[in-house]
Amino acid sequence: MPQSKYDTAADVPIHAATVHTAVAAVHHRGDHEAAEELSTRAQDYSMAASDKTLEIAKQIHAHLRA
């Protein structure tokens, strides 16, 4: 079943938080190379979450102005 745009927007920050947690665990183990790679992925998820939130906010704002 396809997710709504709101479900997707809610899932992306969860993915980002999960990857940030993984970064902390890997960094704690001393694997700094893997931590850097995961950190980049976490940043990508965080940026995607921000973009999705802004997209939805613009749509809501446009709908309210109509």
C-alpha atoms as a PDB file:
ATOM      1  CA  MET A   1       0.000   0.000   0.000  1.00  0.00           C
ATOM      2  CA  PRO A   2       1.491   3.378  -0.977  1.00  0.00           C
ATOM      3  CA  GLN A   3       2.329   5.751   1.810  1.00  0.00           C
ATOM      4  CA  SER A   4       0.902   9.231   1.957  1.00  0.00           C
ATOM      5  CA  LYS A   5       3.274  12.157   1.664  1.00  0.00           C
ATOM      6  CA  TYR A   6       2.784  12.748   5.397  1.00  0.00           C
ATOM      7  CA  ASP A   7       3.802   9.186   6.292  1.00  0.00           C
ATOM      8  CA  THR A   8       6.886   9.514   4.141  1.00  0.00           C
ATOM      9  CA  ALA A   9       7.737  12.868   5.729  1.00  0.00           C
ATOM     10  CA  ALA A  10       7.405  11.287   9.163  1.00  0.00           C
ATOM     11  CA  ASP A  11       9.542   8.258   8.258  1.00  0.00           C
ATOM     12  CA  VAL A  12      12.556  10.156   6.924  1.00  0.00           C
ATOM     13  CA  PRO A  13      13.504  11.765  10.282  1.00  0.00           C
ATOM     14  CA  ILE A  14      13.149   8.339  11.919  1.00  0.00           C
ATOM     15  CA  HIS A  15      15.633   6.926   9.412  1.00  0.00           C
ATOM     16  CA  ALA A  16      17.972   9.835  10.094  1.00  0.00           C
ATOM     17  CA  ALA A  17      17.781   9.290  13.852  1.00  0.00           C
ATOM     18  CA  THR A  18      18.430   5.567  13.434  1.00  0.00           C
ATOM     19  CA  VAL A  19      21.515   6.211  11.335  1.00  0.00           C
ATOM     20  CA  HIS A  20      22.756   8.888  13.777  1.00  0.00           C
ATOM     21  CA  THR A  21      22.443   6.283  16.556  1.00  0.00           C
ATOM     22  CA  ALA A  22      24.412   3.804  14.455  1.00  0.00           C
ATOM     23  CA  VAL A  23      27.085   6.465  13.892  1.00  0.00           C
ATOM     24  CA  ALA A  24      27.456   6.934  17.637  1.00  0.00           C
ATOM     25  CA  ALA A  25      27.773   3.171  18.196  1.00  0.00           C
ATOM     26  CA  VAL A  26      30.335   2.686  15.426  1.00  0.00           C
ATOM     27  CA  HIS A  27      32.303   5.735  16.557  1.00  0.00           C
ATOM     28  CA  HIS A  28      32.299   4.415  20.129  1.00  0.00           C
ATOM     29  CA  ARG A  29      33.783   1.136  18.849  1.00  0.00           C
ATOM     30  CA  GLY A  30      36.579   3.126  17.230  1.00  0.00           C
ATOM     31  CA  ASP A  31      35.648   2.511  13.578  1.00  0.00           C
ATOM     32  CA  HIS A  32      35.934   6.121  12.519  1.00  0.00           C
ATOM     33  CA  GLU A  33      35.917   5.363   8.787  1.00  0.00           C
ATOM     34  CA  ALA A  34      32.545   3.592   8.992  1.00  0.00           C
ATOM     35  CA  ALA A  35      31.271   6.334  11.308  1.00  0.00           C
ATOM     36  CA  GLU A  36      32.152   8.961   8.717  1.00  0.00           C
ATOM     37  CA  GLU A  37      30.350   7.040   5.976  1.00  0.00           C
ATOM     38  CA  LEU A  38      27.263   6.558   8.134  1.00  0.00           C
ATOM     39  CA  SER A  39      27.387  10.189   9.196  1.00  0.00           C
ATOM     40  CA  THR A  40      27.179  11.233   5.552  1.00  0.00           C
ATOM     41  CA  ARG A  41      24.152   8.991   5.094  1.00  0.00           C
ATOM     42  CA  ALA A  42      22.531  10.412   8.225  1.00  0.00           C
ATOM     43  CA  GLN A  43      23.099  13.937   6.924  1.00  0.00           C
ATOM     44  CA  ASP A  44      21.451  12.962   3.627  1.00  0.00           C
ATOM     45  CA  TYR A  45      18.403  11.646   5.494  1.00  0.00           C
ATOM     46  CA  SER A  46      18.265  14.797   7.620  1.00  0.00           C
ATOM     47  CA  MET A  47      18.370  17.011   4.545  1.00  0.00           C
ATOM     48  CA  ALA A  48      15.685  14.898   2.851  1.00  0.00           C
ATOM     49  CA  ALA A  49      13.509  15.255   5.944  1.00  0.00           C
ATOM     50  CA  SER A  50      13.938  19.013   5.878  1.00  0.00           C
ATOM     51  CA  ASP A  51      13.150  19.201   2.163  1.00  0.00           C
ATOM     52  CA  LYS A  52      10.031  17.039   2.549  1.00  0.00           C
ATOM     53  CA  THR A  53       8.806  19.129   5.483  1.00  0.00           C
ATOM     54  CA  LEU A  54       9.264  22.366   3.535  1.00  0.00           C
ATOM     55  CA  GLU A  55       7.480  20.876   0.519  1.00  0.00           C
ATOM     56  CA  ILE A  56       4.461  19.896   2.610  1.00  0.00           C
ATOM     57  CA  ALA A  57       4.436  23.246   4.428  1.00  0.00           C
ATOM     58  CA  LYS A  58       4.376  25.097   1.096  1.00  0.00           C
ATOM     59  CA  GLN A  59       1.504  22.922  -0.139  1.00  0.00           C
ATOM     60  CA  ILE A  60      -0.487  23.546   3.033  1.00  0.00           C
ATOM     61  CA  HIS A  61       0.219  27.277   2.865  1.00  0.00           C
ATOM     62  CA  ALA A  62      -0.874  27.409  -0.793  1.00  0.00           C
ATOM     63  CA  HIS A  63      -4.029  25.467   0.055  1.00  0.00           C
ATOM     64  CA  LEU A  64      -4.895  27.842   2.900  1.00  0.00           C
ATOM     65  CA  ARG A  65      -4.422  30.885   0.670  1.00  0.00           C
ATOM     66  CA  ALA A  66      -6.740  29.488  -2.030  1.00  0.00           C
END
